[in-house]
Amino acid sequence: MTLAFTVYGVAQPKGNMRALQVKGMKFPVVTDSNRSVKSWSQLVAQAASDAILALPPGARTVSDGPVRLTIAFYMPRPKKFQRRGVPAACITSPDLDKLIRAVGDALEAVAYRNDSQVVEAVVGKFYAAIDDAPHADVRVEPTSGTEPVQVPPAPLPLFQESDR
């Protein structure tokens, strides 16, 4: 089952988890440092659920195998770039890895059983078009998971040990 959907809203990063020990309680209270991530995760899960309901009845299953996650985050444009062109790549915060974590966790038990099933990810962070709202385009698809991605070898060092 290939699942593709768009989530409108400003993508929120998954923050760091904090454990607070409250006096008189046996176990600590664990909270996320970003309060907005819960509402973003609910938007992602709802959009995924709606996309699943649009599939034919036989294809409405939660994936058990390895999956490829493809996400394009379109972040709000800064005010200084509202009327003029700007590079498409968004190099400001939030961090891309924390954005991926938020979406991956939100899709757990909706599109796949556990986020450890994500074995490939193709992700980008860009500015939204001038007339477009911030959003994220998400695609979840099964993958064989047998062919590793070919990564070229690292370049040789710029200096030799004898140069030191």
Protein backbone atom coordinates (compact mmCIF):
# COMPACT_ATOMS: atom_id res chain seq x y z
CA MET A 1 0.00 0.00 0.00
CA THR A 2 1.40 3.38 -0.99
CA LEU A 3 0.04 6.21 1.08
CA ALA A 4 0.44 9.85 -0.01
CA PHE A 5 -1.08 12.88 1.68
CA THR A 6 -0.53 16.56 2.51
CA VAL A 7 -0.64 18.04 6.00
CA TYR A 8 -1.33 21.78 6.14
CA GLY A 9 0.20 23.73 8.99
CA VAL A 10 3.63 24.68 10.27
CA ALA A 11 5.67 21.53 10.89
CA GLN A 12 6.76 21.19 14.49
CA PRO A 13 9.93 19.43 15.62
CA LYS A 14 9.92 16.66 18.16
CA GLY A 15 11.64 18.20 21.16
CA ASN A 16 13.71 16.62 23.87
CA MET A 17 11.89 14.58 26.47
CA ARG A 18 12.05 15.79 30.07
CA ALA A 19 11.32 13.75 33.18
CA LEU A 20 9.97 15.69 36.13
CA GLN A 21 9.87 14.06 39.56
CA VAL A 22 6.85 15.41 41.42
CA LYS A 23 6.95 15.12 45.19
CA GLY A 24 4.71 12.32 46.40
CA MET A 25 4.51 10.53 43.03
CA LYS A 26 6.13 7.15 42.52
CA PHE A 27 7.01 7.65 38.84
CA PRO A 28 8.31 10.75 37.02
CA VAL A 29 6.10 12.72 34.63
CA VAL A 30 7.63 12.69 31.13
CA THR A 31 6.91 15.73 28.94
CA ASP A 32 8.07 17.02 25.58
CA SER A 33 9.95 20.32 25.52
CA ASN A 34 7.88 21.46 22.49
CA ARG A 35 4.23 21.91 23.44
CA SER A 36 3.09 22.36 19.82
CA VAL A 37 4.30 18.96 18.64
CA LYS A 38 1.22 17.18 19.99
CA SER A 39 -1.20 19.16 17.81
CA TRP A 40 1.12 18.74 14.78
CA SER A 41 1.26 14.98 15.39
CA GLN A 42 -2.54 14.86 15.56
CA LEU A 43 -2.77 16.70 12.22
CA VAL A 44 -0.35 14.21 10.63
CA ALA A 45 -2.19 11.19 12.04
CA GLN A 46 -5.57 12.57 10.93
CA ALA A 47 -4.33 13.29 7.40
CA ALA A 48 -2.87 9.77 7.19
CA SER A 49 -6.13 8.26 8.46
CA ASP A 50 -8.12 10.22 5.88
CA ALA A 51 -5.77 9.04 3.12
CA ILE A 52 -6.12 5.44 4.29
CA LEU A 53 -9.92 5.71 4.19
CA ALA A 54 -9.67 6.92 0.58
CA LEU A 55 -7.89 3.67 -0.39
CA PRO A 56 -9.81 0.63 -1.62
CA PRO A 57 -11.07 -1.52 1.29
CA GLY A 58 -8.55 -4.32 0.62
CA ALA A 59 -5.58 -1.92 0.86
CA ARG A 60 -6.52 -0.40 4.24
CA THR A 61 -3.94 -2.22 6.32
CA VAL A 62 -1.15 -1.19 8.63
CA SER A 63 2.21 -2.13 7.11
CA ASP A 64 4.19 -4.93 8.74
CA GLY A 65 7.30 -4.79 6.55
CA PRO A 66 10.03 -2.27 5.80
CA VAL A 67 8.85 1.13 4.54
CA ARG A 68 10.30 4.15 2.75
CA LEU A 69 9.27 7.53 4.12
CA THR A 70 9.41 10.50 1.75
CA ILE A 71 8.68 13.93 3.22
CA ALA A 72 8.92 17.45 1.81
CA PHE A 73 8.50 20.13 4.47
CA TYR A 74 7.42 23.54 3.19
CA MET A 75 8.14 26.05 5.94
CA PRO A 76 6.74 29.60 6.24
CA ARG A 77 8.66 32.28 4.39
CA PRO A 78 10.44 34.87 6.53
CA LYS A 79 8.92 38.35 6.28
CA LYS A 80 11.96 39.71 4.48
CA PHE A 81 11.34 37.25 1.62
CA GLN A 82 7.57 37.78 1.26
CA ARG A 83 7.77 39.85 -1.92
CA ARG A 84 11.00 38.77 -3.53
CA GLY A 85 12.59 35.54 -4.56
CA VAL A 86 14.45 33.44 -2.10
CA PRO A 87 16.41 30.21 -2.42
CA ALA A 88 14.09 27.22 -2.17
CA ALA A 89 16.15 25.48 0.53
CA CYS A 90 15.26 26.43 4.08
CA ILE A 91 18.43 26.49 6.16
CA THR A 92 16.94 27.92 9.34
CA SER A 93 15.66 26.05 12.36
CA PRO A 94 13.99 23.69 13.18
CA ASP A 95 16.37 20.80 12.62
CA LEU A 96 15.38 18.36 9.91
CA ASP A 97 15.99 15.28 12.06
CA LYS A 98 13.57 16.50 14.73
CA LEU A 99 10.92 17.22 12.09
CA ILE A 100 11.32 13.66 10.77
CA ARG A 101 10.99 12.23 14.29
CA ALA A 102 7.70 14.06 14.84
CA VAL A 103 6.16 12.74 11.60
CA GLY A 104 7.59 9.24 12.09
CA ASP A 105 6.15 8.98 15.59
CA ALA A 106 2.77 10.36 14.46
CA LEU A 107 2.45 7.69 11.76
CA GLU A 108 3.13 4.87 14.22
CA ALA A 109 0.07 2.58 14.51
CA VAL A 110 -1.58 4.51 11.65
CA ALA A 111 0.54 3.72 8.57
CA TYR A 112 2.93 1.18 10.12
CA ARG A 113 3.15 -0.74 13.39
CA ASN A 114 6.39 0.78 14.68
CA ASP A 115 8.62 3.59 13.44
CA SER A 116 11.56 1.18 13.48
CA GLN A 117 10.10 -0.20 10.21
CA VAL A 118 11.28 2.95 8.41
CA VAL A 119 14.45 1.76 6.67
CA GLU A 120 14.72 4.48 4.01
CA ALA A 121 13.97 8.19 4.21
CA VAL A 122 14.06 10.87 1.52
CA VAL A 123 13.47 14.21 3.18
CA GLY A 124 13.78 17.89 2.28
CA LYS A 125 13.05 21.24 3.95
CA PHE A 126 12.05 24.15 1.72
CA TYR A 127 10.28 27.50 1.88
CA ALA A 128 6.64 27.45 0.81
CA ALA A 129 5.78 29.30 -2.40
CA ILE A 130 4.75 32.94 -1.99
CA ASP A 131 1.03 32.17 -2.40
CA ASP A 132 1.12 28.79 -0.65
CA ALA A 133 0.49 27.88 2.98
CA PRO A 134 3.11 25.99 4.99
CA HIS A 135 2.61 22.24 4.70
CA ALA A 136 4.27 18.85 4.47
CA ASP A 137 3.88 16.34 1.65
CA VAL A 138 4.24 12.81 3.01
CA ARG A 139 4.52 9.49 1.21
CA VAL A 140 4.77 6.08 2.89
CA GLU A 141 5.46 3.11 0.65
CA PRO A 142 6.70 -0.44 1.09
CA THR A 143 10.28 -1.15 0.12
CA SER A 144 12.23 -4.35 -0.23
CA GLY A 145 14.82 -3.14 2.23
CA THR A 146 17.32 -5.54 0.66
CA GLU A 147 19.42 -3.15 -1.44
CA PRO A 148 21.41 -0.69 0.65
CA VAL A 149 21.74 2.83 -0.66
CA GLN A 150 25.09 3.24 -2.40
CA VAL A 151 27.11 5.94 -0.64
CA PRO A 152 30.35 7.04 -2.29
CA PRO A 153 33.51 6.63 -0.19
CA ALA A 154 34.69 9.59 1.85
CA PRO A 155 37.28 11.82 0.15
CA LEU A 156 40.92 11.47 1.08
CA PRO A 157 42.18 13.84 3.78
CA LEU A 158 43.56 17.17 2.59
CA PHE A 159 46.87 16.58 4.33
CA GLN A 160 49.11 13.61 5.02
CA GLU A 161 50.41 12.55 8.42
CA SER A 162 53.87 13.76 7.34
CA ASP A 163 52.47 17.30 6.78
CA ARG A 164 51.79 17.83 10.48
